[in-house]
């Protein structure tokens, strides 16, 4: 999958999770900037796995601190 497509899909997943478009930035931290709680994480991971046709392991989730961390992970899985 091409980088632009991965980024677009990741942003779509974030929008489905309820993140306003103006708050989606590569340096945005899920907990601090996007105010993710347990429900947001559950929704985000569900949509992420659904859209990318992947299975995210717990240790991978712990490495997702910012949007760019998730983007990098998706690029290596593609």
PDB file of N, CA and C in Angstrom:
ATOM      1  N   UNK A   1       0.849  -1.183   0.000  1.00  0.00           N
ATOM      2  CA  UNK A   1       0.000   0.000   0.000  1.00  0.00           C
ATOM      3  C   UNK A   1       0.895   1.247   0.000  1.00  0.00           C
ATOM      4  N   UNK A   2       0.543   2.225  -0.780  1.00  0.00           N
ATOM      5  CA  UNK A   2       1.332   3.445  -0.895  1.00  0.00           C
ATOM      6  C   UNK A   2       1.163   4.318   0.350  1.00  0.00           C
ATOM      7  N   UNK A   3       2.225   5.056   0.679  1.00  0.00           N
ATOM      8  CA  UNK A   3       2.244   5.898   1.878  1.00  0.00           C
ATOM      9  C   UNK A   3       1.045   6.844   1.927  1.00  0.00           C
ATOM     10  N   UNK A   4       0.723   7.503   0.809  1.00  0.00           N
ATOM     11  CA  UNK A   4      -0.396   8.447   0.780  1.00  0.00           C
ATOM     12  C   UNK A   4      -1.718   7.746   1.076  1.00  0.00           C
ATOM     13  N   UNK A   5      -1.870   6.553   0.546  1.00  0.00           N
ATOM     14  CA  UNK A   5      -3.087   5.773   0.771  1.00  0.00           C
ATOM     15  C   UNK A   5      -3.181   5.347   2.230  1.00  0.00           C
ATOM     16  N   UNK A   6      -2.060   4.927   2.793  1.00  0.00           N
ATOM     17  CA  UNK A   6      -2.027   4.524   4.202  1.00  0.00           C
ATOM     18  C   UNK A   6      -2.399   5.707   5.089  1.00  0.00           C
ATOM     19  N   UNK A   7      -1.818   6.857   4.812  1.00  0.00           N
ATOM     20  CA  UNK A   7      -2.098   8.057   5.617  1.00  0.00           C
ATOM     21  C   UNK A   7      -3.571   8.441   5.497  1.00  0.00           C
ATOM     22  N   UNK A   8      -4.104   8.422   4.289  1.00  0.00           N
ATOM     23  CA  UNK A   8      -5.503   8.782   4.066  1.00  0.00           C
ATOM     24  C   UNK A   8      -6.427   7.825   4.819  1.00  0.00           C
ATOM     25  N   UNK A   9      -6.102   6.538   4.760  1.00  0.00           N
ATOM     26  CA  UNK A   9      -6.914   5.533   5.451  1.00  0.00           C
ATOM     27  C   UNK A   9      -6.824   5.714   6.964  1.00  0.00           C
ATOM     28  N   UNK A  10      -5.624   5.978   7.468  1.00  0.00           N
ATOM     29  CA  UNK A  10      -5.441   6.207   8.904  1.00  0.00           C
ATOM     30  C   UNK A  10      -6.245   7.431   9.354  1.00  0.00           C
ATOM     31  N   UNK A  11      -6.220   8.495   8.581  1.00  0.00           N
ATOM     32  CA  UNK A  11      -6.983   9.694   8.930  1.00  0.00           C
ATOM     33  C   UNK A  11      -8.482   9.397   8.909  1.00  0.00           C
ATOM     34  N   UNK A  12      -8.928   8.572   7.964  1.00  0.00           N
ATOM     35  CA  UNK A  12     -10.340   8.182   7.895  1.00  0.00           C
ATOM     36  C   UNK A  12     -10.722   7.410   9.160  1.00  0.00           C
ATOM     37  N   UNK A  13      -9.827   6.531   9.605  1.00  0.00           N
ATOM     38  CA  UNK A  13     -10.072   5.764  10.836  1.00  0.00           C
ATOM     39  C   UNK A  13     -10.197   6.722  12.030  1.00  0.00           C
ATOM     40  N   UNK A  14      -9.309   7.703  12.102  1.00  0.00           N
ATOM     41  CA  UNK A  14      -9.370   8.671  13.199  1.00  0.00           C
ATOM     42  C   UNK A  14     -10.679   9.463  13.160  1.00  0.00           C
ATOM     43  N   UNK A  15     -11.115   9.849  11.966  1.00  0.00           N
ATOM     44  CA  UNK A  15     -12.387  10.575  11.837  1.00  0.00           C
ATOM     45  C   UNK A  15     -13.552   9.708  12.303  1.00  0.00           C
ATOM     46  N   UNK A  16     -13.531   8.407  11.951  1.00  0.00           N
ATOM     47  CA  UNK A  16     -14.590   7.490  12.389  1.00  0.00           C
ATOM     48  C   UNK A  16     -14.610   7.368  13.905  1.00  0.00           C
ATOM     49  N   UNK A  17     -13.439   7.502  14.519  1.00  0.00           N
ATOM     50  CA  UNK A  17     -13.322   7.395  15.973  1.00  0.00           C
ATOM     51  C   UNK A  17     -13.865   8.653  16.651  1.00  0.00           C
ATOM     52  N   UNK A  18     -14.050   9.723  15.863  1.00  0.00           N
ATOM     53  CA  UNK A  18     -14.618  10.944  16.427  1.00  0.00           C
ATOM     54  C   UNK A  18     -13.637  12.083  16.576  1.00  0.00           C
ATOM     55  N   UNK A  19     -12.447  11.934  16.024  1.00  0.00           N
ATOM     56  CA  UNK A  19     -11.443  12.992  16.108  1.00  0.00           C
ATOM     57  C   UNK A  19     -11.756  14.046  15.044  1.00  0.00           C
ATOM     58  N   UNK A  20     -11.898  15.315  15.454  1.00  0.00           N
ATOM     59  CA  UNK A  20     -12.144  16.381  14.476  1.00  0.00           C
ATOM     60  C   UNK A  20     -10.972  16.489  13.490  1.00  0.00           C
ATOM     61  N   UNK A  21     -11.297  16.743  12.232  1.00  0.00           N
ATOM     62  CA  UNK A  21     -10.279  16.812  11.171  1.00  0.00           C
ATOM     63  C   UNK A  21      -9.144  17.776  11.524  1.00  0.00           C
ATOM     64  N   UNK A  22      -9.468  18.919  12.108  1.00  0.00           N
ATOM     65  CA  UNK A  22      -8.441  19.928  12.411  1.00  0.00           C
ATOM     66  C   UNK A  22      -7.460  19.472  13.497  1.00  0.00           C
ATOM     67  N   UNK A  23      -7.806  18.458  14.264  1.00  0.00           N
ATOM     68  CA  UNK A  23      -6.919  17.974  15.322  1.00  0.00           C
ATOM     69  C   UNK A  23      -6.004  16.835  14.867  1.00  0.00           C
ATOM     70  N   UNK A  24      -6.219  16.338  13.653  1.00  0.00           N
ATOM     71  CA  UNK A  24      -5.407  15.218  13.166  1.00  0.00           C
ATOM     72  C   UNK A  24      -4.102  15.754  12.602  1.00  0.00           C
ATOM     73  N   UNK A  25      -3.025  15.512  13.338  1.00  0.00           N
ATOM     74  CA  UNK A  25      -1.679  15.889  12.927  1.00  0.00           C
ATOM     75  C   UNK A  25      -0.758  14.731  13.254  1.00  0.00           C
ATOM     76  N   UNK A  26       0.335  14.622  12.514  1.00  0.00           N
ATOM     77  CA  UNK A  26       1.268  13.506  12.736  1.00  0.00           C
ATOM     78  C   UNK A  26       1.846  13.523  14.145  1.00  0.00           C
ATOM     79  N   UNK A  27       2.076  14.708  14.695  1.00  0.00           N
ATOM     80  CA  UNK A  27       2.672  14.813  16.030  1.00  0.00           C
ATOM     81  C   UNK A  27       1.647  14.754  17.158  1.00  0.00           C
ATOM     82  N   UNK A  28       0.378  14.620  16.822  1.00  0.00           N
ATOM     83  CA  UNK A  28      -0.664  14.579  17.859  1.00  0.00           C
ATOM     84  C   UNK A  28      -0.535  13.295  18.680  1.00  0.00           C
ATOM     85  N   UNK A  29      -0.488  13.463  20.002  1.00  0.00           N
ATOM     86  CA  UNK A  29      -0.431  12.318  20.917  1.00  0.00           C
ATOM     87  C   UNK A  29      -1.857  11.874  21.219  1.00  0.00           C
ATOM     88  N   UNK A  30      -2.082  10.565  21.161  1.00  0.00           N
ATOM     89  CA  UNK A  30      -3.438  10.044  21.377  1.00  0.00           C
ATOM     90  C   UNK A  30      -4.004  10.444  22.731  1.00  0.00           C
ATOM     91  N   UNK A  31      -3.215  10.258  23.786  1.00  0.00           N
ATOM     92  CA  UNK A  31      -3.732  10.519  25.130  1.00  0.00           C
ATOM     93  C   UNK A  31      -3.804  12.013  25.454  1.00  0.00           C
ATOM     94  N   UNK A  32      -2.728  12.747  25.171  1.00  0.00           N
ATOM     95  CA  UNK A  32      -2.681  14.156  25.558  1.00  0.00           C
ATOM     96  C   UNK A  32      -3.444  15.064  24.592  1.00  0.00           C
ATOM     97  N   UNK A  33      -3.150  14.958  23.285  1.00  0.00           N
ATOM     98  CA  UNK A  33      -3.732  15.890  22.317  1.00  0.00           C
ATOM     99  C   UNK A  33      -5.133  15.488  21.850  1.00  0.00           C
ATOM    100  N   UNK A  34      -5.337  14.205  21.639  1.00  0.00           N
ATOM    101  CA  UNK A  34      -6.630  13.739  21.118  1.00  0.00           C
ATOM    102  C   UNK A  34      -7.566  13.254  22.226  1.00  0.00           C
ATOM    103  N   UNK A  35      -7.057  13.253  23.455  1.00  0.00           N
ATOM    104  CA  UNK A  35      -7.852  12.879  24.637  1.00  0.00           C
ATOM    105  C   UNK A  35      -8.520  11.513  24.511  1.00  0.00           C
ATOM    106  N   UNK A  36      -7.761  10.527  24.027  1.00  0.00           N
ATOM    107  CA  UNK A  36      -8.290   9.171  23.891  1.00  0.00           C
ATOM    108  C   UNK A  36      -8.523   8.552  25.261  1.00  0.00           C
ATOM    109  N   UNK A  37      -9.672   7.918  25.430  1.00  0.00           N
ATOM    110  CA  UNK A  37      -9.935   7.122  26.627  1.00  0.00           C
ATOM    111  C   UNK A  37     -10.058   5.660  26.181  1.00  0.00           C
ATOM    112  N   UNK A  38     -10.469   4.782  27.075  1.00  0.00           N
ATOM    113  CA  UNK A  38     -10.545   3.356  26.745  1.00  0.00           C
ATOM    114  C   UNK A  38     -11.518   3.075  25.607  1.00  0.00           C
ATOM    115  N   UNK A  39     -12.627   3.794  25.587  1.00  0.00           N
ATOM    116  CA  UNK A  39     -13.623   3.600  24.526  1.00  0.00           C
ATOM    117  C   UNK A  39     -13.051   4.055  23.181  1.00  0.00           C
ATOM    118  N   UNK A  40     -12.369   5.207  23.173  1.00  0.00           N
ATOM    119  CA  UNK A  40     -11.756   5.704  21.935  1.00  0.00           C
ATOM    120  C   UNK A  40     -10.730   4.711  21.400  1.00  0.00           C
ATOM    121  N   UNK A  41      -9.911   4.167  22.297  1.00  0.00           N
ATOM    122  CA  UNK A  41      -8.899   3.188  21.878  1.00  0.00           C
ATOM    123  C   UNK A  41      -9.563   1.942  21.288  1.00  0.00           C
ATOM    124  N   UNK A  42     -10.614   1.478  21.932  1.00  0.00           N
ATOM    125  CA  UNK A  42     -11.305   0.279  21.445  1.00  0.00           C
ATOM    126  C   UNK A  42     -11.876   0.531  20.047  1.00  0.00           C
ATOM    127  N   UNK A  43     -12.532   1.663  19.849  1.00  0.00           N
ATOM    128  CA  UNK A  43     -13.083   2.019  18.541  1.00  0.00           C
ATOM    129  C   UNK A  43     -11.979   2.172  17.500  1.00  0.00           C
ATOM    130  N   UNK A  44     -10.937   2.898  17.879  1.00  0.00           N
ATOM    131  CA  UNK A  44      -9.818   3.145  16.964  1.00  0.00           C
ATOM    132  C   UNK A  44      -9.196   1.830  16.497  1.00  0.00           C
ATOM    133  N   UNK A  45      -8.928   0.929  17.435  1.00  0.00           N
ATOM    134  CA  UNK A  45      -8.310  -0.356  17.075  1.00  0.00           C
ATOM    135  C   UNK A  45      -9.251  -1.208  16.234  1.00  0.00           C
ATOM    136  N   UNK A  46     -10.537  -1.165  16.540  1.00  0.00           N
ATOM    137  CA  UNK A  46     -11.518  -1.910  15.746  1.00  0.00           C
ATOM    138  C   UNK A  46     -11.500  -1.426  14.294  1.00  0.00           C
ATOM    139  N   UNK A  47     -11.617  -0.112  14.103  1.00  0.00           N
ATOM    140  CA  UNK A  47     -11.625   0.449  12.751  1.00  0.00           C
ATOM    141  C   UNK A  47     -10.276   0.252  12.050  1.00  0.00           C
ATOM    142  N   UNK A  48      -9.193   0.373  12.800  1.00  0.00           N
ATOM    143  CA  UNK A  48      -7.854   0.187  12.232  1.00  0.00           C
ATOM    144  C   UNK A  48      -7.698  -1.226  11.687  1.00  0.00           C
ATOM    145  N   UNK A  49      -8.086  -2.203  12.496  1.00  0.00           N
ATOM    146  CA  UNK A  49      -7.984  -3.598  12.069  1.00  0.00           C
ATOM    147  C   UNK A  49      -8.920  -3.886  10.900  1.00  0.00           C
ATOM    148  N   UNK A  50     -10.089  -3.286  10.931  1.00  0.00           N
ATOM    149  CA  UNK A  50     -11.085  -3.489   9.883  1.00  0.00           C
ATOM    150  C   UNK A  50     -10.616  -2.888   8.548  1.00  0.00           C
ATOM    151  N   UNK A  51     -10.168  -1.648   8.580  1.00  0.00           N
ATOM    152  CA  UNK A  51      -9.779  -0.949   7.348  1.00  0.00           C
ATOM    153  C   UNK A  51      -8.485  -1.474   6.743  1.00  0.00           C
ATOM    154  N   UNK A  52      -7.526  -1.841   7.588  1.00  0.00           N
ATOM    155  CA  UNK A  52      -6.230  -2.307   7.093  1.00  0.00           C
ATOM    156  C   UNK A  52      -6.149  -3.830   6.981  1.00  0.00           C
ATOM    157  N   UNK A  53      -7.213  -4.523   7.425  1.00  0.00           N
ATOM    158  CA  UNK A  53      -7.231  -5.995   7.393  1.00  0.00           C
ATOM    159  C   UNK A  53      -6.012  -6.579   8.121  1.00  0.00           C
ATOM    160  N   UNK A  54      -5.819  -6.097   9.354  1.00  0.00           N
ATOM    161  CA  UNK A  54      -4.695  -6.548  10.179  1.00  0.00           C
ATOM    162  C   UNK A  54      -5.207  -6.936  11.560  1.00  0.00           C
ATOM    163  N   UNK A  55      -4.306  -7.497  12.369  1.00  0.00           N
ATOM    164  CA  UNK A  55      -4.592  -7.801  13.759  1.00  0.00           C
ATOM    165  C   UNK A  55      -3.511  -7.124  14.591  1.00  0.00           C
ATOM    166  N   UNK A  56      -3.885  -6.138  15.390  1.00  0.00           N
ATOM    167  CA  UNK A  56      -2.924  -5.377  16.189  1.00  0.00           C
ATOM    168  C   UNK A  56      -2.743  -6.053  17.538  1.00  0.00           C
ATOM    169  N   UNK A  57      -1.499  -6.384  17.856  1.00  0.00           N
ATOM    170  CA  UNK A  57      -1.166  -7.032  19.126  1.00  0.00           C
ATOM    171  C   UNK A  57      -1.023  -5.985  20.232  1.00  0.00           C
ATOM    172  N   UNK A  58      -1.179  -6.428  21.482  1.00  0.00           N
ATOM    173  CA  UNK A  58      -1.096  -5.518  22.627  1.00  0.00           C
ATOM    174  C   UNK A  58       0.230  -4.761  22.687  1.00  0.00           C
ATOM    175  N   UNK A  59       1.339  -5.450  22.393  1.00  0.00           N
ATOM    176  CA  UNK A  59       2.647  -4.781  22.460  1.00  0.00           C
ATOM    177  C   UNK A  59       2.772  -3.699  21.384  1.00  0.00           C
ATOM    178  N   UNK A  60       2.064  -3.873  20.263  1.00  0.00           N
ATOM    179  CA  UNK A  60       2.076  -2.849  19.215  1.00  0.00           C
ATOM    180  C   UNK A  60       1.257  -1.636  19.651  1.00  0.00           C
ATOM    181  N   UNK A  61       0.174  -1.877  20.344  1.00  0.00           N
ATOM    182  CA  UNK A  61      -0.665  -0.774  20.832  1.00  0.00           C
ATOM    183  C   UNK A  61       0.130   0.099  21.790  1.00  0.00           C
ATOM    184  N   UNK A  62       0.940  -0.509  22.636  1.00  0.00           N
ATOM    185  CA  UNK A  62       1.715   0.260  23.614  1.00  0.00           C
ATOM    186  C   UNK A  62       2.752   1.161  22.947  1.00  0.00           C
ATOM    187  N   UNK A  63       3.125   0.851  21.691  1.00  0.00           N
ATOM    188  CA  UNK A  63       4.085   1.693  20.963  1.00  0.00           C
ATOM    189  C   UNK A  63       3.401   2.837  20.214  1.00  0.00           C
ATOM    190  N   UNK A  64       2.071   2.847  20.181  1.00  0.00           N
ATOM    191  CA  UNK A  64       1.330   3.907  19.485  1.00  0.00           C
ATOM    192  C   UNK A  64       1.079   5.066  20.439  1.00  0.00           C
ATOM    193  N   UNK A  65       1.994   6.006  20.452  1.00  0.00           N
ATOM    194  CA  UNK A  65       1.832   7.164  21.315  1.00  0.00           C
ATOM    195  C   UNK A  65       1.315   8.366  20.524  1.00  0.00           C
ATOM    196  N   UNK A  66       1.788   8.475  19.283  1.00  0.00           N
ATOM    197  CA  UNK A  66       1.385   9.577  18.414  1.00  0.00           C
ATOM    198  C   UNK A  66       0.839   9.016  17.105  1.00  0.00           C
ATOM    199  N   UNK A  67       0.160   9.865  16.358  1.00  0.00           N
ATOM    200  CA  UNK A  67      -0.399   9.452  15.065  1.00  0.00           C
ATOM    201  C   UNK A  67       0.707   8.932  14.161  1.00  0.00           C
ATOM    202  N   UNK A  68       1.884   9.606  14.173  1.00  0.00           N
ATOM    203  CA  UNK A  68       2.983   9.174  13.295  1.00  0.00           C
ATOM    204  C   UNK A  68       3.501   7.784  13.667  1.00  0.00           C
ATOM    205  N   UNK A  69       3.427   7.387  14.940  1.00  0.00           N
ATOM    206  CA  UNK A  69       3.837   6.034  15.340  1.00  0.00           C
ATOM    207  C   UNK A  69       2.939   4.999  14.669  1.00  0.00           C
ATOM    208  N   UNK A  70       1.657   5.284  14.641  1.00  0.00           N
ATOM    209  CA  UNK A  70       0.699   4.371  14.019  1.00  0.00           C
ATOM    210  C   UNK A  70       0.914   4.330  12.514  1.00  0.00           C
ATOM    211  N   UNK A  71       1.158   5.481  11.905  1.00  0.00           N
ATOM    212  CA  UNK A  71       1.423   5.542  10.469  1.00  0.00           C
ATOM    213  C   UNK A  71       2.651   4.712  10.119  1.00  0.00           C
ATOM    214  N   UNK A  72       3.723   4.861  10.894  1.00  0.00           N
ATOM    215  CA  UNK A  72       4.947   4.084  10.643  1.00  0.00           C
ATOM    216  C   UNK A  72       4.681   2.581  10.764  1.00  0.00           C
ATOM    217  N   UNK A  73       3.908   2.215  11.750  1.00  0.00           N
ATOM    218  CA  UNK A  73       3.582   0.801  11.960  1.00  0.00           C
ATOM    219  C   UNK A  73       2.773   0.269  10.786  1.00  0.00           C
ATOM    220  N   UNK A  74       1.808   1.041  10.312  1.00  0.00           N
ATOM    221  CA  UNK A  74       0.982   0.608   9.182  1.00  0.00           C
ATOM    222  C   UNK A  74       1.828   0.457   7.924  1.00  0.00           C
ATOM    223  N   UNK A  75       2.820   1.338   7.749  1.00  0.00           N
ATOM    224  CA  UNK A  75       3.687   1.261   6.566  1.00  0.00           C
ATOM    225  C   UNK A  75       4.542  -0.013   6.598  1.00  0.00           C
ATOM    226  N   UNK A  76       4.995  -0.420   7.771  1.00  0.00           N
ATOM    227  CA  UNK A  76       5.810  -1.631   7.849  1.00  0.00           C
ATOM    228  C   UNK A  76       4.959  -2.898   7.668  1.00  0.00           C
ATOM    229  N   UNK A  77       3.679  -2.791   8.025  1.00  0.00           N
ATOM    230  CA  UNK A  77       2.783  -3.964   7.871  1.00  0.00           C
ATOM    231  C   UNK A  77       2.261  -4.111   6.452  1.00  0.00           C
ATOM    232  N   UNK A  78       2.278  -3.005   5.698  1.00  0.00           N
ATOM    233  CA  UNK A  78       1.705  -3.025   4.325  1.00  0.00           C
ATOM    234  C   UNK A  78       2.602  -3.782   3.356  1.00  0.00           C
TER     235      UNK A  78
END
